[in-house]
Every structure is written in C-alpha cells, then in structure tokens.
Amino acid sequence: MEYFGDVATELCIKHDGDEGLFASYDMVEFKKPVFAGDFLEIRGRITKVGNRSRKVELEAYKVIQSEYDKGPSKASVLPEPVLVARAAGTVVVPKGRES
C-alpha cells in the first residue's frame, strides 16, 4: 500500500508539479502472495482529472522471486511479471497547486 501511495505522489508531481494527498482507496485487491526478498514493479496512471482530484489506477507486479530454499541470497527473474495487487483511488492536489 505504501508503494501505491509513492506512485500516486509521482503521478501528481508529473501532472501538476506538486505532491498530491491520497484521499481514499475505492478498491484494493491482493491477488498473489509476496515474500521478503521479492522485487516488485509498481505501475500507475491517472484515469480522470477533476479540478483538484485525480482518479488513479495502480498495479503491483512481482518481477524477481526470492529462492531462500536454495540459499540465503538466491533469487530468480520471473519470465513474465506476475500481478500481485491492484488498486484504484482518489488523490487530491492542494488548492492553488493544481495545473
């Protein structure tokens, strides 16, 4: 969830030149487990722009999987990213800072 907030902030900075504040999640789905040592790639996009609100959609993909059963620092790159979570919500840009 923290990574989703970070990506939403990045989207607002790119769109408005200022950080937005995550007002609410409309939906969150956890699709697959994630373990310590896994590497994630987080993707996001703005789907709707209001006066100060921005609707966002976010997805988390596992791209590297830890393999602790093979050794303490073993891992492998997955052949294809695996969708592990997705969310949608609303970010609000502070008044006077929207583009």
PDB file of N, CA and C in Angstrom:
ATOM      1  N   MET A   1       0.838  -1.185   0.000  1.00  0.00           N
ATOM      2  CA  MET A   1       0.000   0.000   0.000  1.00  0.00           C
ATOM      3  C   MET A   1       0.890   1.259   0.000  1.00  0.00           C
ATOM      4  N   GLU A   2       1.984   1.177   0.732  1.00  0.00           N
ATOM      5  CA  GLU A   2       2.883   2.332   0.766  1.00  0.00           C
ATOM      6  C   GLU A   2       3.433   2.632  -0.629  1.00  0.00           C
ATOM      7  N   TYR A   3       3.771   1.583  -1.374  1.00  0.00           N
ATOM      8  CA  TYR A   3       4.286   1.786  -2.730  1.00  0.00           C
ATOM      9  C   TYR A   3       3.229   2.399  -3.639  1.00  0.00           C
ATOM     10  N   PHE A   4       1.979   2.016  -3.464  1.00  0.00           N
ATOM     11  CA  PHE A   4       0.912   2.630  -4.249  1.00  0.00           C
ATOM     12  C   PHE A   4       0.851   4.132  -3.962  1.00  0.00           C
ATOM     13  N   GLY A   5       0.979   4.511  -2.703  1.00  0.00           N
ATOM     14  CA  GLY A   5       0.992   5.928  -2.340  1.00  0.00           C
ATOM     15  C   GLY A   5       2.158   6.664  -2.968  1.00  0.00           C
ATOM     16  N   ASP A   6       3.324   6.019  -3.003  1.00  0.00           N
ATOM     17  CA  ASP A   6       4.500   6.635  -3.620  1.00  0.00           C
ATOM     18  C   ASP A   6       4.284   6.871  -5.112  1.00  0.00           C
ATOM     19  N   VAL A   7       3.697   5.901  -5.796  1.00  0.00           N
ATOM     20  CA  VAL A   7       3.449   6.049  -7.231  1.00  0.00           C
ATOM     21  C   VAL A   7       2.390   7.119  -7.485  1.00  0.00           C
ATOM     22  N   ALA A   8       1.359   7.177  -6.662  1.00  0.00           N
ATOM     23  CA  ALA A   8       0.336   8.222  -6.807  1.00  0.00           C
ATOM     24  C   ALA A   8       0.963   9.603  -6.634  1.00  0.00           C
ATOM     25  N   THR A   9       1.882   9.735  -5.687  1.00  0.00           N
ATOM     26  CA  THR A   9       2.591  11.003  -5.490  1.00  0.00           C
ATOM     27  C   THR A   9       3.396  11.353  -6.735  1.00  0.00           C
ATOM     28  N   GLU A  10       4.101  10.373  -7.287  1.00  0.00           N
ATOM     29  CA  GLU A  10       4.886  10.610  -8.504  1.00  0.00           C
ATOM     30  C   GLU A  10       3.994  11.053  -9.659  1.00  0.00           C
ATOM     31  N   LEU A  11       2.833  10.413  -9.815  1.00  0.00           N
ATOM     32  CA  LEU A  11       1.908  10.797 -10.880  1.00  0.00           C
ATOM     33  C   LEU A  11       1.474  12.253 -10.735  1.00  0.00           C
ATOM     34  N   CYS A  12       1.174  12.677  -9.506  1.00  0.00           N
ATOM     35  CA  CYS A  12       0.750  14.065  -9.276  1.00  0.00           C
ATOM     36  C   CYS A  12       1.886  15.043  -9.554  1.00  0.00           C
ATOM     37  N   ILE A  13       3.098  14.677  -9.159  1.00  0.00           N
ATOM     38  CA  ILE A  13       4.239  15.553  -9.430  1.00  0.00           C
ATOM     39  C   ILE A  13       4.424  15.709 -10.936  1.00  0.00           C
ATOM     40  N   LYS A  14       4.326  14.614 -11.679  1.00  0.00           N
ATOM     41  CA  LYS A  14       4.478  14.690 -13.132  1.00  0.00           C
ATOM     42  C   LYS A  14       3.344  15.478 -13.781  1.00  0.00           C
ATOM     43  N   HIS A  15       2.119  15.337 -13.255  1.00  0.00           N
ATOM     44  CA  HIS A  15       0.957  16.002 -13.856  1.00  0.00           C
ATOM     45  C   HIS A  15       0.819  17.448 -13.401  1.00  0.00           C
ATOM     46  N   ASP A  16       1.027  17.697 -12.105  1.00  0.00           N
ATOM     47  CA  ASP A  16       0.736  19.012 -11.524  1.00  0.00           C
ATOM     48  C   ASP A  16       1.957  19.764 -11.018  1.00  0.00           C
ATOM     49  N   GLY A  17       3.098  19.091 -10.946  1.00  0.00           N
ATOM     50  CA  GLY A  17       4.279  19.747 -10.392  1.00  0.00           C
ATOM     51  C   GLY A  17       4.239  19.855  -8.887  1.00  0.00           C
ATOM     52  N   ASP A  18       3.346  19.116  -8.249  1.00  0.00           N
ATOM     53  CA  ASP A  18       3.212  19.147  -6.793  1.00  0.00           C
ATOM     54  C   ASP A  18       2.691  17.804  -6.308  1.00  0.00           C
ATOM     55  N   GLU A  19       3.065  17.464  -5.086  1.00  0.00           N
ATOM     56  CA  GLU A  19       2.597  16.211  -4.497  1.00  0.00           C
ATOM     57  C   GLU A  19       1.104  16.275  -4.213  1.00  0.00           C
ATOM     58  N   GLY A  20       0.426  15.196  -4.448  1.00  0.00           N
ATOM     59  CA  GLY A  20      -0.974  15.083  -4.064  1.00  0.00           C
ATOM     60  C   GLY A  20      -1.079  14.304  -2.767  1.00  0.00           C
ATOM     61  N   LEU A  21      -2.242  14.329  -2.185  1.00  0.00           N
ATOM     62  CA  LEU A  21      -2.509  13.584  -0.955  1.00  0.00           C
ATOM     63  C   LEU A  21      -3.538  12.508  -1.267  1.00  0.00           C
ATOM     64  N   PHE A  22      -3.229  11.257  -0.915  1.00  0.00           N
ATOM     65  CA  PHE A  22      -4.160  10.162  -1.182  1.00  0.00           C
ATOM     66  C   PHE A  22      -5.371  10.339  -0.275  1.00  0.00           C
ATOM     67  N   ALA A  23      -6.533  10.614  -0.867  1.00  0.00           N
ATOM     68  CA  ALA A  23      -7.750  10.856  -0.092  1.00  0.00           C
ATOM     69  C   ALA A  23      -8.452   9.553   0.259  1.00  0.00           C
ATOM     70  N   SER A  24      -8.530   8.622  -0.712  1.00  0.00           N
ATOM     71  CA  SER A  24      -9.228   7.360  -0.437  1.00  0.00           C
ATOM     72  C   SER A  24      -8.901   6.318  -1.494  1.00  0.00           C
ATOM     73  N   TYR A  25      -9.018   5.075  -1.063  1.00  0.00           N
ATOM     74  CA  TYR A  25      -8.958   3.946  -1.994  1.00  0.00           C
ATOM     75  C   TYR A  25     -10.392   3.537  -2.293  1.00  0.00           C
ATOM     76  N   ASP A  26     -10.709   3.388  -3.576  1.00  0.00           N
ATOM     77  CA  ASP A  26     -12.023   2.893  -3.981  1.00  0.00           C
ATOM     78  C   ASP A  26     -12.035   1.369  -4.009  1.00  0.00           C
ATOM     79  N   MET A  27     -10.847   0.776  -4.262  1.00  0.00           N
ATOM     80  CA  MET A  27     -10.754  -0.667  -4.400  1.00  0.00           C
ATOM     81  C   MET A  27      -9.300  -1.079  -4.210  1.00  0.00           C
ATOM     82  N   VAL A  28      -9.103  -2.175  -3.484  1.00  0.00           N
ATOM     83  CA  VAL A  28      -7.780  -2.795  -3.355  1.00  0.00           C
ATOM     84  C   VAL A  28      -7.972  -4.302  -3.461  1.00  0.00           C
ATOM     85  N   GLU A  29      -7.176  -4.938  -4.298  1.00  0.00           N
ATOM     86  CA  GLU A  29      -7.222  -6.398  -4.448  1.00  0.00           C
ATOM     87  C   GLU A  29      -5.816  -6.964  -4.308  1.00  0.00           C
ATOM     88  N   PHE A  30      -5.663  -7.924  -3.413  1.00  0.00           N
ATOM     89  CA  PHE A  30      -4.407  -8.647  -3.280  1.00  0.00           C
ATOM     90  C   PHE A  30      -4.584  -9.964  -4.022  1.00  0.00           C
ATOM     91  N   LYS A  31      -3.795 -10.171  -5.086  1.00  0.00           N
ATOM     92  CA  LYS A  31      -4.002 -11.296  -5.998  1.00  0.00           C
ATOM     93  C   LYS A  31      -3.103 -12.496  -5.708  1.00  0.00           C
ATOM     94  N   LYS A  32      -1.853 -12.256  -5.337  1.00  0.00           N
ATOM     95  CA  LYS A  32      -0.867 -13.319  -5.106  1.00  0.00           C
ATOM     96  C   LYS A  32      -0.005 -12.920  -3.910  1.00  0.00           C
ATOM     97  N   PRO A  33       0.581 -13.904  -3.218  1.00  0.00           N
ATOM     98  CA  PRO A  33       1.436 -13.569  -2.075  1.00  0.00           C
ATOM     99  C   PRO A  33       2.768 -12.950  -2.509  1.00  0.00           C
ATOM    100  N   VAL A  34       3.309 -12.118  -1.629  1.00  0.00           N
ATOM    101  CA  VAL A  34       4.621 -11.502  -1.807  1.00  0.00           C
ATOM    102  C   VAL A  34       5.421 -11.809  -0.551  1.00  0.00           C
ATOM    103  N   PHE A  35       6.694 -12.170  -0.734  1.00  0.00           N
ATOM    104  CA  PHE A  35       7.537 -12.550   0.389  1.00  0.00           C
ATOM    105  C   PHE A  35       8.766 -11.657   0.458  1.00  0.00           C
ATOM    106  N   ALA A  36       9.384 -11.596   1.631  1.00  0.00           N
ATOM    107  CA  ALA A  36      10.630 -10.849   1.799  1.00  0.00           C
ATOM    108  C   ALA A  36      11.627 -11.338   0.759  1.00  0.00           C
ATOM    109  N   GLY A  37      12.279 -10.406   0.098  1.00  0.00           N
ATOM    110  CA  GLY A  37      13.241 -10.758  -0.940  1.00  0.00           C
ATOM    111  C   GLY A  37      12.688 -10.688  -2.347  1.00  0.00           C
ATOM    112  N   ASP A  38      11.361 -10.651  -2.494  1.00  0.00           N
ATOM    113  CA  ASP A  38      10.761 -10.480  -3.817  1.00  0.00           C
ATOM    114  C   ASP A  38      10.941  -9.029  -4.264  1.00  0.00           C
ATOM    115  N   PHE A  39      11.100  -8.826  -5.557  1.00  0.00           N
ATOM    116  CA  PHE A  39      11.205  -7.483  -6.112  1.00  0.00           C
ATOM    117  C   PHE A  39       9.899  -7.153  -6.824  1.00  0.00           C
ATOM    118  N   LEU A  40       9.406  -5.935  -6.588  1.00  0.00           N
ATOM    119  CA  LEU A  40       8.143  -5.504  -7.182  1.00  0.00           C
ATOM    120  C   LEU A  40       8.362  -4.343  -8.136  1.00  0.00           C
ATOM    121  N   GLU A  41       7.532  -4.297  -9.155  1.00  0.00           N
ATOM    122  CA  GLU A  41       7.455  -3.158 -10.061  1.00  0.00           C
ATOM    123  C   GLU A  41       6.043  -2.612  -9.910  1.00  0.00           C
ATOM    124  N   ILE A  42       5.932  -1.318  -9.631  1.00  0.00           N
ATOM    125  CA  ILE A  42       4.624  -0.701  -9.423  1.00  0.00           C
ATOM    126  C   ILE A  42       4.322   0.205 -10.613  1.00  0.00           C
ATOM    127  N   ARG A  43       3.154   0.054 -11.176  1.00  0.00           N
ATOM    128  CA  ARG A  43       2.726   0.868 -12.322  1.00  0.00           C
ATOM    129  C   ARG A  43       1.471   1.637 -11.939  1.00  0.00           C
ATOM    130  N   GLY A  44       1.346   2.834 -12.482  1.00  0.00           N
ATOM    131  CA  GLY A  44       0.161   3.623 -12.191  1.00  0.00           C
ATOM    132  C   GLY A  44      -0.161   4.584 -13.315  1.00  0.00           C
ATOM    133  N   ARG A  45      -1.404   5.017 -13.320  1.00  0.00           N
ATOM    134  CA  ARG A  45      -1.822   6.013 -14.310  1.00  0.00           C
ATOM    135  C   ARG A  45      -2.991   6.810 -13.766  1.00  0.00           C
ATOM    136  N   ILE A  46      -3.085   8.031 -14.226  1.00  0.00           N
ATOM    137  CA  ILE A  46      -4.227   8.885 -13.902  1.00  0.00           C
ATOM    138  C   ILE A  46      -5.315   8.572 -14.922  1.00  0.00           C
ATOM    139  N   THR A  47      -6.508   8.271 -14.429  1.00  0.00           N
ATOM    140  CA  THR A  47      -7.605   7.911 -15.333  1.00  0.00           C
ATOM    141  C   THR A  47      -8.644   9.018 -15.490  1.00  0.00           C
ATOM    142  N   LYS A  48      -8.660   9.962 -14.545  1.00  0.00           N
ATOM    143  CA  LYS A  48      -9.631  11.060 -14.618  1.00  0.00           C
ATOM    144  C   LYS A  48      -9.066  12.246 -13.852  1.00  0.00           C
ATOM    145  N   VAL A  49      -9.248  13.437 -14.414  1.00  0.00           N
ATOM    146  CA  VAL A  49      -8.748  14.656 -13.789  1.00  0.00           C
ATOM    147  C   VAL A  49      -9.916  15.568 -13.476  1.00  0.00           C
ATOM    148  N   GLY A  50     -10.078  15.904 -12.198  1.00  0.00           N
ATOM    149  CA  GLY A  50     -11.067  16.885 -11.774  1.00  0.00           C
ATOM    150  C   GLY A  50     -10.365  18.204 -11.493  1.00  0.00           C
ATOM    151  N   ASN A  51     -11.061  19.141 -10.828  1.00  0.00           N
ATOM    152  CA  ASN A  51     -10.425  20.418 -10.500  1.00  0.00           C
ATOM    153  C   ASN A  51      -9.173  20.209  -9.657  1.00  0.00           C
ATOM    154  N   ARG A  52      -9.315  19.476  -8.552  1.00  0.00           N
ATOM    155  CA  ARG A  52      -8.185  19.174  -7.679  1.00  0.00           C
ATOM    156  C   ARG A  52      -8.004  17.682  -7.464  1.00  0.00           C
ATOM    157  N   SER A  53      -8.970  16.886  -7.873  1.00  0.00           N
ATOM    158  CA  SER A  53      -8.890  15.436  -7.654  1.00  0.00           C
ATOM    159  C   SER A  53      -8.345  14.732  -8.891  1.00  0.00           C
ATOM    160  N   ARG A  54      -7.672  13.633  -8.641  1.00  0.00           N
ATOM    161  CA  ARG A  54      -7.123  12.790  -9.696  1.00  0.00           C
ATOM    162  C   ARG A  54      -7.494  11.345  -9.375  1.00  0.00           C
ATOM    163  N   LYS A  55      -8.219  10.687 -10.261  1.00  0.00           N
ATOM    164  CA  LYS A  55      -8.501   9.259 -10.100  1.00  0.00           C
ATOM    165  C   LYS A  55      -7.288   8.501 -10.634  1.00  0.00           C
ATOM    166  N   VAL A  56      -6.828   7.517  -9.866  1.00  0.00           N
ATOM    167  CA  VAL A  56      -5.653   6.752 -10.264  1.00  0.00           C
ATOM    168  C   VAL A  56      -5.946   5.258 -10.221  1.00  0.00           C
ATOM    169  N   GLU A  57      -5.268   4.522 -11.087  1.00  0.00           N
ATOM    170  CA  GLU A  57      -5.279   3.063 -11.067  1.00  0.00           C
ATOM    171  C   GLU A  57      -3.839   2.606 -10.896  1.00  0.00           C
ATOM    172  N   LEU A  58      -3.627   1.628 -10.023  1.00  0.00           N
ATOM    173  CA  LEU A  58      -2.287   1.180  -9.671  1.00  0.00           C
ATOM    174  C   LEU A  58      -2.214  -0.337  -9.723  1.00  0.00           C
ATOM    175  N   GLU A  59      -1.059  -0.851 -10.139  1.00  0.00           N
ATOM    176  CA  GLU A  59      -0.839  -2.298 -10.190  1.00  0.00           C
ATOM    177  C   GLU A  59       0.559  -2.611  -9.687  1.00  0.00           C
ATOM    178  N   ALA A  60       0.680  -3.691  -8.933  1.00  0.00           N
ATOM    179  CA  ALA A  60       1.975  -4.161  -8.439  1.00  0.00           C
ATOM    180  C   ALA A  60       2.272  -5.514  -9.078  1.00  0.00           C
ATOM    181  N   TYR A  61       3.459  -5.637  -9.642  1.00  0.00           N
ATOM    182  CA  TYR A  61       3.895  -6.873 -10.284  1.00  0.00           C
ATOM    183  C   TYR A  61       5.152  -7.396  -9.603  1.00  0.00           C
ATOM    184  N   LYS A  62       5.191  -8.701  -9.362  1.00  0.00           N
ATOM    185  CA  LYS A  62       6.416  -9.340  -8.883  1.00  0.00           C
ATOM    186  C   LYS A  62       7.266  -9.633 -10.111  1.00  0.00           C
ATOM    187  N   VAL A  63       8.541  -9.162 -10.100  1.00  0.00           N
ATOM    188  CA  VAL A  63       9.427  -9.363 -11.243  1.00  0.00           C
ATOM    189  C   VAL A  63      10.621 -10.259 -10.899  1.00  0.00           C
ATOM    190  N   ILE A  64      10.976 -10.326  -9.620  1.00  0.00           N
ATOM    191  CA  ILE A  64      12.035 -11.215  -9.139  1.00  0.00           C
ATOM    192  C   ILE A  64      11.509 -11.930  -7.909  1.00  0.00           C
ATOM    193  N   GLN A  65      11.734 -13.231  -7.857  1.00  0.00           N
ATOM    194  CA  GLN A  65      11.231 -14.052  -6.751  1.00  0.00           C
ATOM    195  C   GLN A  65      12.401 -14.585  -5.935  1.00  0.00           C
ATOM    196  N   SER A  66      12.313 -14.408  -4.622  1.00  0.00           N
ATOM    197  CA  SER A  66      13.352 -14.952  -3.746  1.00  0.00           C
ATOM    198  C   SER A  66      13.289 -16.477  -3.766  1.00  0.00           C
ATOM    199  N   GLU A  67      14.443 -17.093  -3.564  1.00  0.00           N
ATOM    200  CA  GLU A  67      14.535 -18.558  -3.523  1.00  0.00           C
ATOM    201  C   GLU A  67      15.378 -18.960  -2.316  1.00  0.00           C
ATOM    202  N   TYR A  68      14.905 -18.590  -1.137  1.00  0.00           N
ATOM    203  CA  TYR A  68      15.657 -18.850   0.092  1.00  0.00           C
ATOM    204  C   TYR A  68      15.875 -20.338   0.344  1.00  0.00           C
ATOM    205  N   ASP A  69      15.024 -21.180  -0.227  1.00  0.00           N
ATOM    206  CA  ASP A  69      15.215 -22.623  -0.056  1.00  0.00           C
ATOM    207  C   ASP A  69      16.482 -23.117  -0.763  1.00  0.00           C
ATOM    208  N   LYS A  70      17.004 -22.322  -1.714  1.00  0.00           N
ATOM    209  CA  LYS A  70      18.223 -22.689  -2.447  1.00  0.00           C
ATOM    210  C   LYS A  70      19.468 -21.992  -1.897  1.00  0.00           C
ATOM    211  N   GLY A  71      19.274 -21.020  -1.022  1.00  0.00           N
ATOM    212  CA  GLY A  71      20.396 -20.288  -0.437  1.00  0.00           C
ATOM    213  C   GLY A  71      19.924 -18.966   0.122  1.00  0.00           C
ATOM    214  N   PRO A  72      20.690 -18.372   1.052  1.00  0.00           N
ATOM    215  CA  PRO A  72      20.230 -17.169   1.757  1.00  0.00           C
ATOM    216  C   PRO A  72      20.063 -15.929   0.882  1.00  0.00           C
ATOM    217  N   SER A  73      20.702 -15.915  -0.290  1.00  0.00           N
ATOM    218  CA  SER A  73      20.558 -14.737  -1.151  1.00  0.00           C
ATOM    219  C   SER A  73      20.174 -15.117  -2.578  1.00  0.00           C
ATOM    220  N   LYS A  74      19.603 -16.290  -2.747  1.00  0.00           N
ATOM    221  CA  LYS A  74      19.205 -16.754  -4.079  1.00  0.00           C
ATOM    222  C   LYS A  74      17.885 -16.113  -4.510  1.00  0.00           C
ATOM    223  N   ALA A  75      17.809 -15.798  -5.802  1.00  0.00           N
ATOM    224  CA  ALA A  75      16.593 -15.232  -6.387  1.00  0.00           C
ATOM    225  C   ALA A  75      16.621 -15.501  -7.881  1.00  0.00           C
ATOM    226  N   SER A  76      15.459 -15.383  -8.512  1.00  0.00           N
ATOM    227  CA  SER A  76      15.393 -15.568  -9.962  1.00  0.00           C
ATOM    228  C   SER A  76      14.451 -14.542 -10.577  1.00  0.00           C
ATOM    229  N   VAL A  77      14.824 -14.116 -11.781  1.00  0.00           N
ATOM    230  CA  VAL A  77      13.976 -13.206 -12.546  1.00  0.00           C
ATOM    231  C   VAL A  77      12.847 -14.042 -13.138  1.00  0.00           C
ATOM    232  N   LEU A  78      11.626 -13.590 -12.940  1.00  0.00           N
ATOM    233  CA  LEU A  78      10.473 -14.315 -13.479  1.00  0.00           C
ATOM    234  C   LEU A  78      10.394 -14.114 -14.993  1.00  0.00           C
ATOM    235  N   PRO A  79       9.977 -15.128 -15.747  1.00  0.00           N
ATOM    236  CA  PRO A  79       9.883 -14.982 -17.205  1.00  0.00           C
ATOM    237  C   PRO A  79       8.898 -13.883 -17.617  1.00  0.00           C
ATOM    238  N   GLU A  80       7.843 -13.717 -16.847  1.00  0.00           N
ATOM    239  CA  GLU A  80       6.849 -12.660 -17.067  1.00  0.00           C
ATOM    240  C   GLU A  80       6.487 -12.068 -15.711  1.00  0.00           C
ATOM    241  N   PRO A  81       6.273 -10.752 -15.631  1.00  0.00           N
ATOM    242  CA  PRO A  81       5.816 -10.174 -14.362  1.00  0.00           C
ATOM    243  C   PRO A  81       4.492 -10.806 -13.928  1.00  0.00           C
ATOM    244  N   VAL A  82       4.315 -10.968 -12.614  1.00  0.00           N
ATOM    245  CA  VAL A  82       3.103 -11.563 -12.047  1.00  0.00           C
ATOM    246  C   VAL A  82       2.335 -10.478 -11.293  1.00  0.00           C
ATOM    247  N   LEU A  83       1.080 -10.245 -11.678  1.00  0.00           N
ATOM    248  CA  LEU A  83       0.244  -9.265 -10.985  1.00  0.00           C
ATOM    249  C   LEU A  83      -0.031  -9.760  -9.571  1.00  0.00           C
ATOM    250  N   VAL A  84       0.400  -8.988  -8.560  1.00  0.00           N
ATOM    251  CA  VAL A  84       0.200  -9.410  -7.170  1.00  0.00           C
ATOM    252  C   VAL A  84      -0.822  -8.542  -6.437  1.00  0.00           C
ATOM    253  N   ALA A  85      -1.048  -7.320  -6.922  1.00  0.00           N
ATOM    254  CA  ALA A  85      -2.042  -6.447  -6.280  1.00  0.00           C
ATOM    255  C   ALA A  85      -2.431  -5.342  -7.247  1.00  0.00           C
ATOM    256  N   ARG A  86      -3.635  -4.844  -7.043  1.00  0.00           N
ATOM    257  CA  ARG A  86      -4.076  -3.676  -7.813  1.00  0.00           C
ATOM    258  C   ARG A  86      -4.989  -2.840  -6.947  1.00  0.00           C
ATOM    259  N   ALA A  87      -5.081  -1.562  -7.295  1.00  0.00           N
ATOM    260  CA  ALA A  87      -5.896  -0.644  -6.505  1.00  0.00           C
ATOM    261  C   ALA A  87      -6.354   0.518  -7.382  1.00  0.00           C
ATOM    262  N   ALA A  88      -7.382   1.185  -6.913  1.00  0.00           N
ATOM    263  CA  ALA A  88      -7.867   2.408  -7.546  1.00  0.00           C
ATOM    264  C   ALA A  88      -8.248   3.361  -6.429  1.00  0.00           C
ATOM    265  N   GLY A  89      -8.050   4.633  -6.670  1.00  0.00           N
ATOM    266  CA  GLY A  89      -8.385   5.591  -5.627  1.00  0.00           C
ATOM    267  C   GLY A  89      -8.363   7.018  -6.129  1.00  0.00           C
ATOM    268  N   THR A  90      -8.471   7.938  -5.174  1.00  0.00           N
ATOM    269  CA  THR A  90      -8.530   9.364  -5.463  1.00  0.00           C
ATOM    270  C   THR A  90      -7.412  10.085  -4.735  1.00  0.00           C
ATOM    271  N   VAL A  91      -6.689  10.894  -5.494  1.00  0.00           N
ATOM    272  CA  VAL A  91      -5.634  11.732  -4.947  1.00  0.00           C
ATOM    273  C   VAL A  91      -6.096  13.177  -5.099  1.00  0.00           C
ATOM    274  N   VAL A  92      -5.815  14.004  -4.106  1.00  0.00           N
ATOM    275  CA  VAL A  92      -6.208  15.410  -4.143  1.00  0.00           C
ATOM    276  C   VAL A  92      -4.951  16.271  -4.123  1.00  0.00           C
ATOM    277  N   VAL A  93      -4.909  17.235  -5.043  1.00  0.00           N
ATOM    278  CA  VAL A  93      -3.793  18.175  -5.113  1.00  0.00           C
ATOM    279  C   VAL A  93      -4.166  19.403  -4.284  1.00  0.00           C
ATOM    280  N   PRO A  94      -3.244  19.922  -3.452  1.00  0.00           N
ATOM    281  CA  PRO A  94      -3.558  21.097  -2.633  1.00  0.00           C
ATOM    282  C   PRO A  94      -4.057  22.274  -3.480  1.00  0.00           C
ATOM    283  N   LYS A  95      -5.013  23.009  -2.948  1.00  0.00           N
ATOM    284  CA  LYS A  95      -5.620  24.141  -3.653  1.00  0.00           C
ATOM    285  C   LYS A  95      -4.552  25.149  -4.052  1.00  0.00           C
ATOM    286  N   GLY A  96      -4.642  25.600  -5.294  1.00  0.00           N
ATOM    287  CA  GLY A  96      -3.702  26.576  -5.811  1.00  0.00           C
ATOM    288  C   GLY A  96      -2.446  25.957  -6.399  1.00  0.00           C
ATOM    289  N   ARG A  97      -2.301  24.646  -6.275  1.00  0.00           N
ATOM    290  CA  ARG A  97      -1.105  23.977  -6.800  1.00  0.00           C
ATOM    291  C   ARG A  97      -1.426  23.050  -7.967  1.00  0.00           C
ATOM    292  N   GLU A  98      -2.703  22.950  -8.316  1.00  0.00           N
ATOM    293  CA  GLU A  98      -3.095  22.090  -9.426  1.00  0.00           C
ATOM    294  C   GLU A  98      -2.723  22.756 -10.745  1.00  0.00           C
ATOM    295  N   SER A  99      -2.540  21.931 -11.794  1.00  0.00           N
ATOM    296  CA  SER A  99      -2.175  22.517 -13.096  1.00  0.00           C
ATOM    297  C   SER A  99      -3.413  22.844 -13.899  1.00  0.00           C
TER     298      SER A  99
END
